[in-house]
Protein backbone atom coordinates (compact mmCIF):
# COMPACT_ATOMS: atom_id res chain seq x y z
CA MET A 1 66.18 130.65 115.24
CA PRO A 2 68.84 128.83 113.15
CA THR A 3 67.66 127.30 109.88
CA ILE A 4 68.66 123.95 108.39
CA LEU A 5 68.36 123.45 104.62
CA LEU A 6 68.06 119.97 103.15
CA THR A 7 69.86 120.17 99.80
CA ASN A 8 67.53 117.70 98.16
CA LYS A 9 63.88 117.12 97.32
CA TYR A 10 62.07 114.49 99.38
CA SER A 11 58.48 113.35 99.07
CA GLU A 12 56.07 114.40 101.82
CA LYS A 13 56.16 110.85 103.16
CA VAL A 14 59.92 111.02 103.60
CA LEU A 15 59.87 114.62 104.86
CA ALA A 16 57.48 113.55 107.61
CA VAL A 17 60.20 111.22 108.93
CA VAL A 18 62.77 114.04 108.74
CA ARG A 19 60.56 116.54 110.56
CA ARG A 20 59.90 114.07 113.36
CA GLU A 21 63.62 114.04 114.11
CA LEU A 22 64.11 117.84 113.93
CA PRO A 23 65.43 119.13 117.29
CA GLU A 24 63.63 121.93 119.08
CA GLY A 25 64.80 125.45 118.37
CA PHE A 26 65.50 124.95 114.65
CA ASP A 27 63.65 125.85 111.47
CA PHE A 28 63.82 123.42 108.56
CA ILE A 29 63.38 123.91 104.82
CA SER A 30 63.94 121.67 101.80
CA LEU A 31 63.95 121.98 98.03
CA GLN A 32 60.85 121.72 95.88
CA ASN A 33 63.10 120.82 92.95
CA ALA A 34 66.52 119.25 93.32
CA SER A 35 68.33 121.89 91.30
CA LYS A 36 71.18 124.34 91.69
CA GLU A 37 68.83 127.18 90.71
CA GLU A 38 66.52 126.63 93.66
CA LEU A 39 69.41 125.97 96.00
CA MET A 40 70.89 129.33 94.99
CA GLN A 41 67.60 131.02 95.83
CA LYS A 42 67.54 129.62 99.37
CA VAL A 43 71.14 129.50 100.58
CA ALA A 44 71.38 133.08 101.83
CA GLU A 45 68.81 132.45 104.58
CA VAL A 46 70.24 129.29 106.13
CA ASP A 47 72.75 128.50 108.85
CA TYR A 48 73.26 124.80 108.14
CA PHE A 49 73.18 122.49 105.13
CA LEU A 50 71.90 118.96 105.61
CA ALA A 51 73.66 117.76 102.46
CA SER A 52 71.85 115.02 100.59
CA GLY A 53 71.38 114.07 96.95
CA ARG A 54 73.37 114.90 93.85
CA VAL A 55 73.04 118.70 93.67
CA SER A 56 76.60 119.98 93.84
CA ILE A 57 77.55 122.33 96.63
CA ASP A 58 80.04 124.27 94.54
CA LYS A 59 81.98 127.49 95.01
CA GLU A 60 79.11 129.67 93.81
CA ILE A 61 76.69 128.06 96.27
CA ILE A 62 79.11 128.35 99.17
CA GLU A 63 79.93 131.99 98.49
CA SER A 64 76.22 132.81 98.34
CA ALA A 65 75.55 131.10 101.68
CA THR A 66 76.70 134.06 103.75
CA LYS A 67 75.27 132.73 107.04
CA LEU A 68 76.50 129.16 106.62
CA LYS A 69 78.17 127.77 109.74
CA MET A 70 78.56 124.09 108.97
CA ILE A 71 77.64 121.35 106.48
CA GLN A 72 76.36 118.01 107.75
CA ARG A 73 76.26 115.10 105.32
CA THR A 74 73.49 112.56 105.71
CA GLY A 75 76.08 109.92 104.80
CA VAL A 76 79.81 109.98 104.09
CA GLY A 77 80.36 110.78 100.41
CA THR A 78 81.71 114.28 99.69
CA ASP A 79 82.29 114.06 95.93
CA THR A 80 79.57 116.68 95.27
CA ILE A 81 80.98 119.20 97.77
CA ASP A 82 83.69 121.80 97.05
CA LEU A 83 85.87 121.02 100.04
CA LYS A 84 88.62 123.41 98.93
CA THR A 85 86.35 126.47 99.06
CA LEU A 86 84.89 125.38 102.39
CA LYS A 87 88.37 125.04 103.85
CA GLU A 88 89.28 128.52 102.63
CA LYS A 89 86.19 129.88 104.37
CA ASN A 90 86.79 127.79 107.50
CA ILE A 91 83.39 126.08 107.20
CA PRO A 92 83.58 122.52 108.58
CA VAL A 93 81.94 119.41 107.12
CA TYR A 94 80.65 116.60 109.33
CA ILE A 95 79.84 113.08 108.16
CA ASN A 96 77.89 110.09 109.45
CA SER A 97 80.66 107.55 109.13
CA GLY A 98 79.61 103.92 109.45
CA ILE A 99 75.94 104.65 110.02
CA ASN A 100 74.72 102.77 106.96
CA SER A 101 77.52 100.20 106.68
CA THR A 102 75.28 97.28 107.61
CA SER A 103 72.53 98.36 105.25
CA VAL A 104 74.89 98.78 102.27
CA ALA A 105 76.62 95.49 103.07
CA GLU A 106 73.29 93.65 103.23
CA HIS A 107 72.31 95.19 99.90
CA THR A 108 75.62 94.06 98.42
CA ILE A 109 74.97 90.48 99.50
CA LEU A 110 71.44 90.77 98.10
CA LEU A 111 72.77 91.85 94.70
CA ILE A 112 75.46 89.16 94.62
CA LEU A 113 72.95 86.37 95.29
CA SER A 114 70.38 87.92 92.96
CA VAL A 115 72.70 88.09 89.95
CA LEU A 116 74.09 84.61 90.60
CA ARG A 117 70.55 83.16 90.78
CA ARG A 118 69.11 85.51 88.09
CA LEU A 119 66.41 86.41 90.59
CA THR A 120 64.49 89.10 88.74
CA SER A 121 64.26 87.31 85.38
CA VAL A 122 63.40 84.00 87.04
CA ASP A 123 60.70 85.70 89.13
CA THR A 124 59.27 87.35 86.01
CA GLY A 125 59.24 84.00 84.20
CA VAL A 126 57.40 82.17 86.96
CA LYS A 127 54.79 84.92 87.19
CA ALA A 128 54.32 84.64 83.43
CA GLY A 129 53.59 80.91 83.75
CA LYS A 130 57.06 79.63 82.77
CA TRP A 131 58.33 76.88 85.08
CA GLY A 132 61.39 75.40 83.38
CA LYS A 133 62.96 74.24 86.62
CA ASN A 134 65.99 72.45 85.15
CA ASP A 135 66.50 74.84 82.25
CA VAL A 136 66.55 77.77 84.69
CA GLY A 137 68.60 76.02 87.35
CA ILE A 138 71.56 75.21 85.11
CA THR A 139 71.96 78.88 84.21
CA CYS A 140 72.41 79.91 87.87
CA HIS A 141 75.46 79.74 90.12
CA ASN A 142 76.42 78.98 93.70
CA LEU A 143 78.14 81.63 95.79
CA ASN A 144 79.94 78.89 97.72
CA GLY A 145 83.43 78.24 96.38
CA LYS A 146 83.74 81.52 94.50
CA THR A 147 86.53 84.08 94.79
CA VAL A 148 85.20 87.52 95.70
CA GLY A 149 87.24 90.67 95.18
CA ILE A 150 86.61 93.67 97.43
CA ILE A 151 87.85 97.08 96.28
CA GLY A 152 87.97 99.37 99.32
CA ILE A 153 88.22 97.91 102.81
CA GLY A 154 86.61 100.63 104.93
CA ASN A 155 83.60 100.15 107.21
CA ILE A 156 81.36 98.84 104.42
CA GLY A 157 84.01 96.64 102.82
CA LYS A 158 84.83 95.01 106.15
CA THR A 159 81.14 94.43 106.91
CA VAL A 160 80.67 92.78 103.50
CA VAL A 161 83.63 90.51 104.27
CA THR A 162 82.06 89.48 107.58
CA MET A 163 78.70 88.75 105.95
CA LEU A 164 80.34 86.68 103.20
CA ARG A 165 82.15 84.34 105.61
CA PRO A 166 79.34 81.75 106.03
CA PHE A 167 79.12 81.27 102.26
CA GLY A 168 82.48 79.53 101.99
CA VAL A 169 84.14 81.99 99.64
CA THR A 170 87.73 83.09 99.17
CA ILE A 171 88.08 86.85 99.62
CA VAL A 172 90.85 89.02 98.19
CA TYR A 173 90.95 92.77 98.54
CA TYR A 174 92.69 95.87 97.29
CA ASP A 175 92.93 99.20 99.06
CA PRO A 176 95.67 101.83 98.75
CA PHE A 177 95.97 101.59 102.54
CA ARG A 178 96.69 97.95 103.24
CA LEU A 179 95.44 96.45 106.50
CA SER A 180 97.86 95.11 109.07
CA GLU A 181 98.80 91.45 108.92
CA GLN A 182 96.78 90.92 112.10
CA GLU A 183 93.63 92.51 110.61
CA GLU A 184 93.96 90.43 107.45
CA LYS A 185 94.25 87.30 109.55
CA GLU A 186 91.22 88.22 111.68
CA LEU A 187 89.11 88.92 108.59
CA ASN A 188 90.54 85.88 106.76
CA ILE A 189 91.24 87.90 103.62
CA GLN A 190 94.20 88.16 101.28
CA TYR A 191 95.70 91.34 99.86
CA SER A 192 96.32 91.67 96.14
CA ASP A 193 97.38 94.55 93.96
CA PHE A 194 94.59 95.89 91.78
CA PRO A 195 95.53 94.47 88.33
CA GLU A 196 96.21 91.01 89.75
CA LEU A 197 92.98 90.98 91.76
CA LEU A 198 90.90 91.63 88.63
CA THR A 199 92.25 88.50 86.97
CA GLN A 200 91.52 86.29 90.02
CA VAL A 201 87.95 87.01 91.01
CA ASP A 202 84.61 85.51 90.05
CA ILE A 203 82.76 88.42 91.68
CA LEU A 204 84.04 91.99 92.01
CA SER A 205 82.40 94.32 94.55
CA LEU A 206 83.24 98.03 94.72
CA HIS A 207 83.34 99.86 98.07
CA CYS A 208 85.69 102.78 97.51
CA PRO A 209 84.94 106.54 97.49
CA LEU A 210 84.69 108.55 94.30
CA THR A 211 87.80 110.69 93.91
CA PRO A 212 89.73 112.01 90.89
CA GLN A 213 91.92 108.91 91.25
CA THR A 214 89.05 106.39 91.35
CA LYS A 215 86.80 107.92 88.69
CA GLY A 216 86.69 105.44 85.81
CA LEU A 217 88.53 102.87 87.95
CA MET A 218 86.85 100.10 85.97
CA GLY A 219 87.45 101.07 82.35
CA ILE A 220 87.73 99.10 79.11
CA SER A 221 91.08 97.46 79.89
CA GLU A 222 90.23 96.69 83.52
CA ILE A 223 86.94 95.02 82.62
CA ALA A 224 88.60 93.13 79.76
CA SER A 225 91.22 91.75 82.15
CA MET A 226 88.58 90.06 84.30
CA LYS A 227 87.67 86.39 83.98
CA GLN A 228 85.25 85.40 81.26
CA GLY A 229 81.87 85.07 82.99
CA ALA A 230 82.70 87.14 86.08
CA PHE A 231 80.17 89.34 87.88
CA ILE A 232 80.42 93.00 88.94
CA ILE A 233 78.61 94.58 91.89
CA ASN A 234 78.60 98.33 92.56
CA THR A 235 76.98 99.85 95.64
CA ALA A 236 79.52 102.68 95.97
CA ARG A 237 79.45 105.38 93.25
CA GLY A 238 78.38 105.10 89.61
CA PRO A 239 81.34 106.91 87.99
CA LEU A 240 83.75 104.31 89.37
CA ILE A 241 82.74 102.28 86.32
CA ASP A 242 82.86 103.24 82.66
CA GLU A 243 79.21 102.39 81.90
CA ILE A 244 79.77 102.03 78.15
CA ALA A 245 82.60 99.57 78.73
CA LEU A 246 80.45 97.63 81.20
CA LEU A 247 77.50 97.66 78.80
CA ASP A 248 79.62 96.19 76.00
CA ALA A 249 81.04 93.51 78.32
CA LEU A 250 77.55 92.56 79.50
CA LYS A 251 76.24 92.33 75.95
CA SER A 252 79.13 90.08 74.91
CA ARG A 253 78.74 88.07 78.14
CA HIS A 254 82.40 88.57 78.98
CA ILE A 255 80.85 89.90 82.19
CA LYS A 256 78.02 87.47 82.84
CA GLY A 257 76.00 89.74 85.11
CA ALA A 258 76.02 92.88 87.21
CA GLY A 259 74.20 94.24 90.22
CA LEU A 260 74.17 98.04 90.24
CA ASP A 261 72.78 100.38 92.88
CA VAL A 262 74.56 103.47 91.53
CA PHE A 263 74.95 105.05 88.12
CA SER A 264 76.89 107.70 86.22
CA GLN A 265 73.69 109.77 86.08
CA GLU A 266 71.11 109.66 88.87
CA PRO A 267 68.22 109.22 88.54
CA ILE A 268 69.15 106.85 85.74
CA HIS A 269 68.22 108.22 82.31
CA PRO A 270 65.16 106.44 80.82
CA ASN A 271 67.14 105.75 77.64
CA ASN A 272 70.08 104.15 79.45
CA PRO A 273 70.66 100.84 77.62
CA LEU A 274 71.38 99.06 80.90
CA LEU A 275 67.63 99.12 81.47
CA ASN A 276 67.16 96.72 78.56
CA LEU A 277 69.61 94.03 79.67
CA GLU A 278 68.33 90.80 81.18
CA ASN A 279 71.62 90.06 82.96
CA VAL A 280 71.64 93.21 85.09
CA ILE A 281 69.81 93.89 88.35
CA LEU A 282 69.32 97.59 89.06
CA THR A 283 68.25 99.38 92.24
CA PRO A 284 67.82 103.17 92.76
CA HIS A 285 70.76 103.96 95.08
CA THR A 286 68.90 102.45 98.02
CA GLY A 287 71.74 100.35 99.39
CA GLY A 288 72.20 102.59 102.41
CA LEU A 289 68.53 103.26 102.96
CA THR A 290 66.12 101.26 105.06
CA GLN A 291 63.46 102.42 107.47
CA GLU A 292 65.79 101.85 110.39
CA THR A 293 68.90 103.33 108.78
CA PHE A 294 67.22 106.43 107.38
CA SER A 295 65.68 107.42 110.71
CA LYS A 296 68.96 106.98 112.55
CA MET A 297 70.90 108.77 109.82
CA ILE A 298 68.65 111.84 110.04
CA ARG A 299 68.52 111.74 113.85
CA ASP A 300 72.31 111.59 114.16
CA ALA A 301 72.79 114.31 111.53
CA PHE A 302 70.45 116.67 113.37
CA GLU A 303 72.14 115.84 116.67
CA ASN A 304 75.51 116.82 115.20
CA ILE A 305 74.02 120.15 114.10
CA ARG A 306 72.45 120.72 117.52
CA LEU A 307 75.73 120.04 119.29
CA PHE A 308 77.58 122.35 116.90
CA GLU A 309 75.04 125.14 117.45
CA THR A 310 75.42 124.82 121.23
CA GLY A 311 79.21 124.89 121.03
CA LYS A 312 79.79 121.28 122.09
CA PHE A 313 82.37 120.71 119.37
CA ASP A 314 84.37 118.13 121.35
CA LEU A 315 81.42 115.73 121.30
CA ILE A 316 81.39 115.59 117.50
CA GLU A 317 85.10 115.98 116.77
CA ASN A 318 85.22 112.36 115.56
CA LYS A 319 82.51 113.16 112.98
CA LYS A 320 84.42 116.12 111.49
CA LEU A 321 85.93 115.64 108.05
CA LYS A 322 89.66 116.18 108.34
């Protein structure tokens, strides 16, 4: 019976959801600790990886997984997977493209509105008995009328654009692969090169993958080039932003606020100074996770593995990482 290994540690509550979706004819195991050491101990006995979490699937792991047939990502990011070694060994990787686009886009809108309206600090104040209606109100901002910059115009970026339309914003975007003139017209967005976009926007939202080219995309000079009082939202990958540069900009209020779902280290370190800032809203990389999305993500991932095991490769060819 083929065995699927989840390369992450989930609580029993979450594992119960996973096991409900497991197809017949498969064994399933997961990690007790999300570590390379435990992963190394288990890889030799498994046929499939259900790749989740931040434990790297590096060359050593892959070479130890002597029975490995295929890797299925729960999502789309592959920055923790050694794709070069997998290609050399002819082991394919499959992704769940677009499956959590709506969830991440909704979370992005949530963070934008929350930082503009200072939701968490205002909520804390009211619960502590502080009303201050006018004093609070004049420190908040409308979304209407703002210019929003989107970096990365894939499935998630396009969904964010669609959700932003009713708010009456101007949207500019940058992506190394520019959309057609027709697509730009349909989405009602304007293309800008990256440096110029940074100087234009009131709100910057990141939706690009983490690659060697995008790591540190928002560094000291990039953040400094943004408008005084702009906002930054990141629901993509933490290392896209130089956290020290962002921290300094938030402290000086050059960047007025940020909404972050991802971090350079996950889980976020308890001593990370971002935790002490009032003008930052932080969430634990949950943008793509809701009850509905998680169940479908696991169900579709298992279905891809089942189809692969039964040789129905043509039915999942569109899910294969090229």
